[in-house]
Amino acid sequence: MLTISVVMLLILLVAGLVVTFVAFPHRGHQVPQARWLGDAMTRLADRAPVLHHEAEDRPARHPH
């Protein structure tokens, strides 16, 4: 029972961080009352690898 409670708490914590990131730093806003959290999320997002889509550079091919 303790294990399930701890895992559920971790899941809720991660979900809260994701919602906070999408609501504020991802859109370029500061997190109100927790500027340190927004700064930390922005630094982590800048370090994350980015995939570049080559398909956007080429016109789409449609089969006939």
C-alpha atoms as a PDB file:
ATOM      1  CA  MET A   1       0.000   0.000   0.000  1.00  0.00           C
ATOM      2  CA  LEU A   2       2.855   2.374   0.781  1.00  0.00           C
ATOM      3  CA  THR A   3       4.482   1.624  -2.579  1.00  0.00           C
ATOM      4  CA  ILE A   4       1.300   2.447  -4.469  1.00  0.00           C
ATOM      5  CA  SER A   5       0.920   5.720  -2.552  1.00  0.00           C
ATOM      6  CA  VAL A   6       4.502   6.782  -3.266  1.00  0.00           C
ATOM      7  CA  VAL A   7       4.221   5.917  -6.964  1.00  0.00           C
ATOM      8  CA  MET A   8       0.905   7.787  -7.242  1.00  0.00           C
ATOM      9  CA  LEU A   9       2.481  10.827  -5.576  1.00  0.00           C
ATOM     10  CA  LEU A  10       5.380  10.750  -8.059  1.00  0.00           C
ATOM     11  CA  ILE A  11       2.969  10.444 -10.978  1.00  0.00           C
ATOM     12  CA  LEU A  12       0.995  13.456  -9.763  1.00  0.00           C
ATOM     13  CA  LEU A  13       4.202  15.448  -9.267  1.00  0.00           C
ATOM     14  CA  VAL A  14       5.413  14.719 -12.815  1.00  0.00           C
ATOM     15  CA  ALA A  15       1.963  15.505 -14.244  1.00  0.00           C
ATOM     16  CA  GLY A  16       1.947  18.823 -12.380  1.00  0.00           C
ATOM     17  CA  LEU A  17       5.375  19.712 -13.749  1.00  0.00           C
ATOM     18  CA  VAL A  18       4.276  18.892 -17.308  1.00  0.00           C
ATOM     19  CA  VAL A  19       1.130  21.020 -16.990  1.00  0.00           C
ATOM     20  CA  THR A  20       3.160  23.887 -15.517  1.00  0.00           C
ATOM     21  CA  PHE A  21       5.710  23.670 -18.345  1.00  0.00           C
ATOM     22  CA  VAL A  22       3.044  23.646 -21.057  1.00  0.00           C
ATOM     23  CA  ALA A  23       1.114  26.499 -19.446  1.00  0.00           C
ATOM     24  CA  PHE A  24       4.040  28.861 -18.868  1.00  0.00           C
ATOM     25  CA  PRO A  25       7.685  28.392 -20.055  1.00  0.00           C
ATOM     26  CA  HIS A  26       6.705  26.573 -23.270  1.00  0.00           C
ATOM     27  CA  ARG A  27       4.676  29.641 -24.278  1.00  0.00           C
ATOM     28  CA  GLY A  28       7.371  32.085 -23.163  1.00  0.00           C
ATOM     29  CA  HIS A  29       5.783  33.241 -19.886  1.00  0.00           C
ATOM     30  CA  GLN A  30       7.191  33.237 -16.359  1.00  0.00           C
ATOM     31  CA  VAL A  31       5.672  30.971 -13.712  1.00  0.00           C
ATOM     32  CA  PRO A  32       3.922  33.257 -11.208  1.00  0.00           C
ATOM     33  CA  GLN A  33       5.169  32.972  -7.616  1.00  0.00           C
ATOM     34  CA  ALA A  34       7.874  30.474  -8.676  1.00  0.00           C
ATOM     35  CA  ARG A  35      10.263  32.187 -11.063  1.00  0.00           C
ATOM     36  CA  TRP A  36      12.984  29.671 -10.088  1.00  0.00           C
ATOM     37  CA  LEU A  37      10.819  26.824 -11.371  1.00  0.00           C
ATOM     38  CA  GLY A  38      10.256  28.535 -14.727  1.00  0.00           C
ATOM     39  CA  ASP A  39      13.966  29.274 -15.072  1.00  0.00           C
ATOM     40  CA  ALA A  40      14.867  25.652 -14.292  1.00  0.00           C
ATOM     41  CA  MET A  41      12.319  24.344 -16.815  1.00  0.00           C
ATOM     42  CA  THR A  42      13.585  26.724 -19.495  1.00  0.00           C
ATOM     43  CA  ARG A  43      17.195  25.605 -18.931  1.00  0.00           C
ATOM     44  CA  LEU A  44      16.171  21.947 -19.160  1.00  0.00           C
ATOM     45  CA  ALA A  45      14.177  22.567 -22.337  1.00  0.00           C
ATOM     46  CA  ASP A  46      17.160  24.335 -23.919  1.00  0.00           C
ATOM     47  CA  ARG A  47      19.375  21.306 -23.213  1.00  0.00           C
ATOM     48  CA  ALA A  48      16.903  18.782 -24.620  1.00  0.00           C
ATOM     49  CA  PRO A  49      17.713  17.380 -28.064  1.00  0.00           C
ATOM     50  CA  VAL A  50      15.548  18.602 -30.921  1.00  0.00           C
ATOM     51  CA  LEU A  51      14.539  16.616 -33.975  1.00  0.00           C
ATOM     52  CA  HIS A  52      14.473  18.593 -37.198  1.00  0.00           C
ATOM     53  CA  HIS A  53      11.820  17.521 -39.661  1.00  0.00           C
ATOM     54  CA  GLU A  54      13.278  17.214 -43.135  1.00  0.00           C
ATOM     55  CA  ALA A  55       9.811  16.590 -44.532  1.00  0.00           C
ATOM     56  CA  GLU A  56       8.879  20.220 -43.872  1.00  0.00           C
ATOM     57  CA  ASP A  57      11.640  21.380 -46.201  1.00  0.00           C
ATOM     58  CA  ARG A  58      10.424  19.290 -49.130  1.00  0.00           C
ATOM     59  CA  PRO A  59       7.059  19.446 -50.881  1.00  0.00           C
ATOM     60  CA  ALA A  60       4.761  16.540 -50.141  1.00  0.00           C
ATOM     61  CA  ARG A  61       4.548  13.794 -52.757  1.00  0.00           C
ATOM     62  CA  HIS A  62       1.065  12.562 -53.509  1.00  0.00           C
ATOM     63  CA  PRO A  63       0.610   9.109 -55.096  1.00  0.00           C
ATOM     64  CA  HIS A  64      -1.518   9.059 -58.245  1.00  0.00           C
END
